[in-house]
Structure formats: C-alpha cells, structure tokens
Amino acid sequence: MITELHCHTTASDGLLSPTDLVHLARQRDVTLLAITDHDTVAGHAEALAAGCEHGIHIIPGIEVSALSPQAEVHILGYGVRPTDAATNAKLASLRGVRESRARGILSKLCELGIDVSFERVQAQAGDGMIGRPHVARVLVEMGIVASQQLAFDLYLAEGKPAFVAHDGLTPAQAVQLIHAAHGVAVLAHPALYRGNFDDLFASLLSAGLDGIEVFYPAHTPEQTQQYAALAGQHDLLMTGGSDFHGITGDQEVSLGAVHVPKKCVEALTAKIESRGK
C-alpha cells in the first residue's frame, strides 16, 4: 500500500490543484491520500470528486498552524468534517490571520530594503490561503533570491529577519478545533519544533492529542525511533508523509515516497471512522 498523509494543494501553498494532485497520486500508485492544506478545508470537495473518479481513497484533512509560548506548532487533522457554524466560522477566521501575518512579513522585508507589495503576494496565492511560500515565490520572481529555499534560509524561516509567528491559535486550541470538526489530531513534524518539546508535548496530551507524525523526511533515524517510542508509551497513533507541495528538483521528496507501516495506516483510518460517528 502506497499512502500519502501530508500534502498541500493550491487551496493553500501547494503548486497543484486538488484534481491535479489526485492525478499525480494515481500516477505514483498512491491508493490513500490525505489532503492537509494549511488552515483550510477548501480543497476537499474537488479532491473527493477526483478521488472517486480515479479510485483513490481521500482523507479530508487540514494542517492547523498554532503558536506556543516558545515557537510555532503545526497540528494535522485527519477526517475533518466541520458541520457546526462555530467551527466553520473559526476555520474561516484563519484566512484573516494568515493575511495579517503576510503583511507583517512584508513590513519586515521593507525594513530590510526589499519592497514587496501585498497585492503581488495575493496574486501568487490566488484563491488559496496565503503562506510564506507565496512570499518566497515572489522573491524569486523579483530576483532577490535564486530559489524558494534560499528565501526561507535568508529571510522567512523561524529565527530569520523577516519571520513573523502565526498567532491565531494555541496548540491546545488547534487540537480542540480539529476535534470539533470530528477529526483526529496529530502533531506534525515534531523535530522541526524550535521550543521545549517536553512542555509542548505535555500540553498537547492534556488537550487530547491523538498521534504523532513519526515518519517524516527531515527526521533522522534516531528521531524516528524516538517519536515511535513516545507514541507507543502514550498509546498514540503513528503517521507520516512527505509534506509535498509540488516543488520540483531536490527541495522535497516525491508524493508517496514516505513509507508508513500498514498497521499504522489501519489504526489511523479506524480512528477516523470512530471519530466520525
């Protein structure tokens, strides 16, 4: 079984539409695909329709951005199906948070002598949720940097001069939002967290965290083993994915390239089914 449990479309900062992403999944023999766009579920309907057409099981998902007292955190939500007005309103409010963050980034770039208009970044995002990759793409277009990765390395990554933290939700609130949408909450790429992991993990456990993204391209074998042991110790799900955005070249691994053991996938899908009832 080839699965992909972490990827993005043009509904947020991916380069492929939901339909095109499903087409690519079919080419790569992916049979289970989770759409986990940043802070939005806007790509679900299109992906589900394309999945039905091509015989690929689609998990409607999300990657919610949050801010701990120390650093930014991402929480993946699987099987999210928001049905009540309050949850839908909270999800809709995240667009404003992202636009505000983008303006903050552009303000910092301006202080560095790099003038980028919000309208240009918004055009790059189209109808999708604005994210740092859209700013990075504009910086490449302007000739400020040679690649999107260099834009992050020099300006946009956490700790760099134009970084602005996402301030919409706390990690616990992100878990609660995912649960309110009948989803399963999983801590994304834990090794990328820049704060005190023990403090974060304790707070997420108290909030009802369901799992950890154990299998991830940036994790070392030792980190993978560490997070697997932690998941086992606390009876948490283990997931994994490529974090695919559609970038070409060696900047990211290909769709479906991260192997997740079958028993882990089955445990996740079972949890999704039970949460949706």
Protein backbone atom coordinates (compact mmCIF):
# COMPACT_ATOMS: atom_id res chain seq x y z
CA MET A 1 0.00 0.00 0.00
CA ILE A 2 1.38 3.41 -1.00
CA THR A 3 -0.04 6.24 1.08
CA GLU A 4 0.42 9.98 1.32
CA LEU A 5 -0.80 11.52 4.57
CA HIS A 6 0.71 15.01 4.36
CA CYS A 7 0.45 17.15 1.24
CA HIS A 8 -0.75 20.55 0.05
CA THR A 9 -2.69 21.93 -2.91
CA THR A 10 -3.40 25.36 -4.36
CA ALA A 11 -6.06 25.73 -1.66
CA SER A 12 -3.09 26.76 0.49
CA ASP A 13 0.55 26.90 -0.63
CA GLY A 14 0.87 23.88 -2.92
CA LEU A 15 1.52 24.22 -6.65
CA LEU A 16 -1.00 21.62 -7.84
CA SER A 17 -4.78 21.88 -7.75
CA PRO A 18 -6.61 19.19 -5.77
CA THR A 19 -7.56 17.49 -9.05
CA ASP A 20 -4.01 17.57 -10.39
CA LEU A 21 -2.67 16.27 -7.08
CA VAL A 22 -5.04 13.30 -7.27
CA HIS A 23 -3.93 12.68 -10.87
CA LEU A 24 -0.30 12.65 -9.70
CA ALA A 25 -1.23 10.29 -6.87
CA ARG A 26 -2.71 7.89 -9.41
CA GLN A 27 0.49 8.03 -11.47
CA ARG A 28 2.50 7.23 -8.35
CA ASP A 29 0.18 4.32 -7.42
CA VAL A 30 -0.92 6.08 -4.23
CA THR A 31 -4.16 4.48 -3.01
CA LEU A 32 -4.78 6.56 0.13
CA LEU A 33 -4.32 10.33 0.00
CA ALA A 34 -4.88 12.87 2.78
CA ILE A 35 -5.31 16.49 1.73
CA THR A 36 -3.79 18.58 4.54
CA ASP A 37 -3.79 22.18 3.38
CA HIS A 38 -2.74 24.90 5.79
CA ASP A 39 -5.68 26.27 7.82
CA THR A 40 -8.33 25.47 5.23
CA VAL A 41 -10.63 22.70 4.05
CA ALA A 42 -11.40 24.47 0.78
CA GLY A 43 -9.82 21.77 -1.41
CA HIS A 44 -11.80 18.85 -0.01
CA ALA A 45 -14.79 18.76 -2.37
CA GLU A 46 -12.63 18.86 -5.50
CA ALA A 47 -10.23 16.25 -4.16
CA LEU A 48 -13.02 13.91 -3.09
CA ALA A 49 -14.63 14.14 -6.54
CA ALA A 50 -11.32 13.44 -8.29
CA GLY A 51 -10.56 10.60 -5.88
CA CYS A 52 -13.91 8.99 -6.62
CA GLU A 53 -13.22 9.24 -10.35
CA HIS A 54 -9.77 7.66 -10.08
CA GLY A 55 -10.37 5.09 -7.36
CA ILE A 56 -8.21 6.80 -4.73
CA HIS A 57 -9.45 6.98 -1.15
CA ILE A 58 -9.28 10.61 0.01
CA ILE A 59 -8.96 11.58 3.66
CA PRO A 60 -10.18 15.16 4.13
CA GLY A 61 -7.57 16.80 6.32
CA ILE A 62 -6.01 20.06 7.44
CA GLU A 63 -2.74 21.35 8.89
CA VAL A 64 -3.58 23.91 11.56
CA SER A 65 -0.92 26.47 12.46
CA ALA A 66 -0.62 27.50 16.09
CA LEU A 67 1.76 29.33 18.40
CA SER A 68 3.05 28.03 21.71
CA PRO A 69 4.71 30.43 24.19
CA GLN A 70 8.01 29.50 22.55
CA ALA A 71 7.59 28.67 18.87
CA GLU A 72 5.23 27.84 16.02
CA VAL A 73 3.48 24.46 16.01
CA HIS A 74 1.57 22.59 13.29
CA ILE A 75 -1.20 20.11 14.09
CA LEU A 76 -2.51 17.79 11.38
CA GLY A 77 -6.20 16.93 11.38
CA TYR A 78 -7.46 13.78 9.64
CA GLY A 79 -11.07 13.10 8.72
CA VAL A 80 -12.12 16.66 9.47
CA ARG A 81 -15.71 17.38 8.51
CA PRO A 82 -16.83 20.63 10.14
CA THR A 83 -20.61 20.65 10.48
CA ASP A 84 -21.48 23.36 13.02
CA ALA A 85 -21.47 27.10 12.44
CA ALA A 86 -18.97 27.89 15.21
CA THR A 87 -16.32 25.52 13.84
CA ASN A 88 -16.79 26.76 10.28
CA ALA A 89 -16.53 30.35 11.50
CA LYS A 90 -13.29 29.58 13.33
CA LEU A 91 -11.81 27.98 10.22
CA ALA A 92 -12.88 30.95 8.12
CA SER A 93 -11.23 33.36 10.57
CA LEU A 94 -7.85 31.71 9.94
CA ARG A 95 -7.72 33.37 6.50
CA GLY A 96 -7.58 36.78 8.17
CA VAL A 97 -4.83 35.58 10.49
CA ARG A 98 -2.75 34.43 7.53
CA GLU A 99 -3.26 37.69 5.63
CA SER A 100 -2.23 39.68 8.68
CA ARG A 101 0.88 37.55 9.04
CA ALA A 102 1.79 38.06 5.38
CA ARG A 103 1.53 41.83 5.80
CA GLY A 104 3.81 41.60 8.83
CA ILE A 105 6.39 39.66 6.83
CA LEU A 106 6.26 42.22 4.02
CA SER A 107 6.71 45.03 6.54
CA LYS A 108 9.87 43.36 7.87
CA LEU A 109 11.16 42.81 4.34
CA CYS A 110 10.58 46.51 3.63
CA GLU A 111 12.70 47.39 6.69
CA LEU A 112 15.43 45.27 5.10
CA GLY A 113 15.17 47.27 1.88
CA ILE A 114 13.06 44.72 -0.02
CA ASP A 115 9.78 46.24 -1.19
CA VAL A 116 7.16 43.59 -1.98
CA SER A 117 3.51 44.55 -2.42
CA PHE A 118 0.79 42.58 -0.68
CA GLU A 119 -1.17 42.53 -3.94
CA ARG A 120 1.66 40.69 -5.69
CA VAL A 121 1.76 38.02 -2.97
CA GLN A 122 -2.02 37.76 -3.02
CA ALA A 123 -1.94 37.24 -6.78
CA GLN A 124 0.59 34.46 -6.28
CA ALA A 125 -1.79 32.78 -3.80
CA GLY A 126 -4.87 33.18 -5.99
CA ASP A 127 -7.92 31.89 -4.14
CA GLY A 128 -5.75 29.86 -1.76
CA MET A 129 -4.65 30.67 1.77
CA ILE A 130 -1.62 32.97 1.77
CA GLY A 131 1.55 31.42 3.18
CA ARG A 132 5.28 32.07 3.36
CA PRO A 133 5.92 30.03 0.18
CA HIS A 134 3.93 32.62 -1.78
CA VAL A 135 6.23 35.36 -0.48
CA ALA A 136 9.22 33.16 -1.34
CA ARG A 137 7.99 32.70 -4.90
CA VAL A 138 7.65 36.46 -5.35
CA LEU A 139 11.19 36.98 -4.03
CA VAL A 140 12.41 34.52 -6.66
CA GLU A 141 10.43 36.33 -9.38
CA MET A 142 11.97 39.63 -8.30
CA GLY A 143 15.48 38.21 -8.47
CA ILE A 144 16.10 38.80 -4.76
CA VAL A 145 16.96 35.12 -4.23
CA ALA A 146 17.72 32.24 -6.57
CA SER A 147 15.31 29.74 -5.02
CA GLN A 148 12.41 29.43 -2.59
CA GLN A 149 14.63 27.50 -0.20
CA LEU A 150 17.11 30.36 -0.16
CA ALA A 151 14.26 32.79 0.60
CA PHE A 152 13.48 30.76 3.70
CA ASP A 153 17.12 30.31 4.64
CA LEU A 154 17.83 34.04 4.45
CA TYR A 155 14.55 35.71 5.40
CA LEU A 156 11.42 33.65 6.10
CA ALA A 157 12.30 30.68 8.30
CA GLU A 158 11.78 30.82 12.05
CA GLY A 159 14.57 32.90 13.59
CA LYS A 160 15.32 34.76 10.33
CA PRO A 161 14.90 38.56 9.99
CA ALA A 162 11.52 38.60 8.19
CA PHE A 163 9.88 35.78 10.16
CA VAL A 164 6.52 36.56 11.75
CA ALA A 165 4.90 34.00 14.04
CA HIS A 166 1.42 32.67 13.35
CA ASP A 167 -0.74 33.94 16.23
CA GLY A 168 -4.20 32.56 15.52
CA LEU A 169 -4.48 29.62 17.95
CA THR A 170 -2.63 27.94 20.78
CA PRO A 171 -1.64 24.28 20.17
CA ALA A 172 -4.39 23.11 22.54
CA GLN A 173 -6.95 25.22 20.68
CA ALA A 174 -5.78 23.70 17.38
CA VAL A 175 -6.43 20.21 18.78
CA GLN A 176 -9.84 21.33 20.03
CA LEU A 177 -10.71 22.81 16.62
CA ILE A 178 -9.81 19.55 14.87
CA HIS A 179 -11.87 17.53 17.37
CA ALA A 180 -14.82 19.91 16.92
CA ALA A 181 -14.61 19.12 13.20
CA HIS A 182 -14.80 15.37 14.01
CA GLY A 183 -11.13 14.93 13.15
CA VAL A 184 -8.09 13.13 14.54
CA ALA A 185 -5.34 15.47 15.81
CA VAL A 186 -1.68 14.59 15.09
CA LEU A 187 1.44 16.60 15.92
CA ALA A 188 3.20 17.40 12.63
CA HIS A 189 6.98 17.04 12.10
CA PRO A 190 7.94 17.25 15.80
CA ALA A 191 11.67 17.51 15.09
CA LEU A 192 11.09 20.90 13.42
CA TYR A 193 9.68 22.42 16.61
CA ARG A 194 12.13 25.02 17.97
CA GLY A 195 10.85 25.31 21.54
CA ASN A 196 10.88 22.98 24.54
CA PHE A 197 9.39 19.79 23.16
CA ASP A 198 8.60 18.24 26.54
CA ASP A 199 6.48 21.24 27.56
CA LEU A 200 4.66 21.25 24.22
CA PHE A 201 4.02 17.51 24.29
CA ALA A 202 2.64 17.62 27.83
CA SER A 203 0.21 20.38 26.90
CA LEU A 204 -0.92 18.53 23.77
CA LEU A 205 -1.51 15.32 25.71
CA SER A 206 -3.70 17.26 28.13
CA ALA A 207 -5.64 18.66 25.17
CA GLY A 208 -6.32 15.16 23.81
CA LEU A 209 -3.66 14.71 21.11
CA ASP A 210 -4.33 11.56 19.07
CA GLY A 211 -1.00 10.94 17.34
CA ILE A 212 2.49 11.93 16.23
CA GLU A 213 3.88 12.29 12.71
CA VAL A 214 6.72 9.82 13.25
CA PHE A 215 7.76 9.22 9.63
CA TYR A 216 8.91 12.48 8.01
CA PRO A 217 11.67 13.34 5.50
CA ALA A 218 13.57 15.65 7.86
CA HIS A 219 13.59 13.18 10.76
CA THR A 220 16.80 11.27 11.38
CA PRO A 221 16.55 7.52 12.05
CA GLU A 222 17.21 8.27 15.72
CA GLN A 223 14.40 10.83 15.84
CA THR A 224 12.01 8.45 14.09
CA GLN A 225 12.81 5.82 16.70
CA GLN A 226 12.40 8.37 19.50
CA TYR A 227 8.96 9.53 18.34
CA ALA A 228 7.79 5.97 17.68
CA ALA A 229 8.74 5.05 21.25
CA LEU A 230 6.94 8.12 22.57
CA ALA A 231 3.81 7.23 20.61
CA GLY A 232 3.91 3.70 21.96
CA GLN A 233 4.43 4.91 25.52
CA HIS A 234 1.33 7.12 25.37
CA ASP A 235 -0.82 4.91 23.12
CA LEU A 236 -0.80 7.44 20.29
CA LEU A 237 -1.23 6.91 16.57
CA MET A 238 1.85 7.00 14.34
CA THR A 239 1.52 8.71 10.95
CA GLY A 240 3.87 10.04 8.30
CA GLY A 241 4.02 11.81 4.98
CA SER A 242 6.18 13.73 2.55
CA ASP A 243 4.79 17.26 3.21
CA PHE A 244 4.52 17.52 -0.56
CA HIS A 245 3.94 20.97 -2.09
CA GLY A 246 4.72 20.23 -5.73
CA ILE A 247 8.18 21.83 -5.78
CA THR A 248 10.44 20.39 -8.46
CA GLY A 249 14.05 19.39 -8.06
CA ASP A 250 15.68 18.25 -4.83
CA GLN A 251 13.81 20.59 -2.50
CA GLU A 252 11.31 17.96 -1.35
CA VAL A 253 10.69 14.23 -1.60
CA SER A 254 8.14 12.93 -4.07
CA LEU A 255 4.49 12.27 -3.36
CA GLY A 256 4.04 8.92 -1.63
CA ALA A 257 7.76 8.44 -1.01
CA VAL A 258 7.50 8.25 2.80
CA HIS A 259 6.58 4.74 3.88
CA VAL A 260 4.08 4.39 6.72
CA PRO A 261 3.64 0.84 8.08
CA LYS A 262 0.32 -0.75 7.16
CA LYS A 263 -0.69 -1.25 10.80
CA CYS A 264 -0.22 2.47 11.45
CA VAL A 265 -2.40 3.40 8.47
CA GLU A 266 -5.09 0.94 9.56
CA ALA A 267 -5.06 2.35 13.09
CA LEU A 268 -5.47 5.88 11.72
CA THR A 269 -8.36 5.01 9.42
CA ALA A 270 -10.10 3.13 12.23
CA LYS A 271 -9.74 6.16 14.50
CA ILE A 272 -11.12 8.43 11.77
CA GLU A 273 -14.15 6.17 11.38
CA SER A 274 -14.83 6.09 15.11
CA ARG A 275 -14.40 9.89 15.43
CA GLY A 276 -16.81 10.50 12.58
CA LYS A 277 -19.68 8.53 14.12
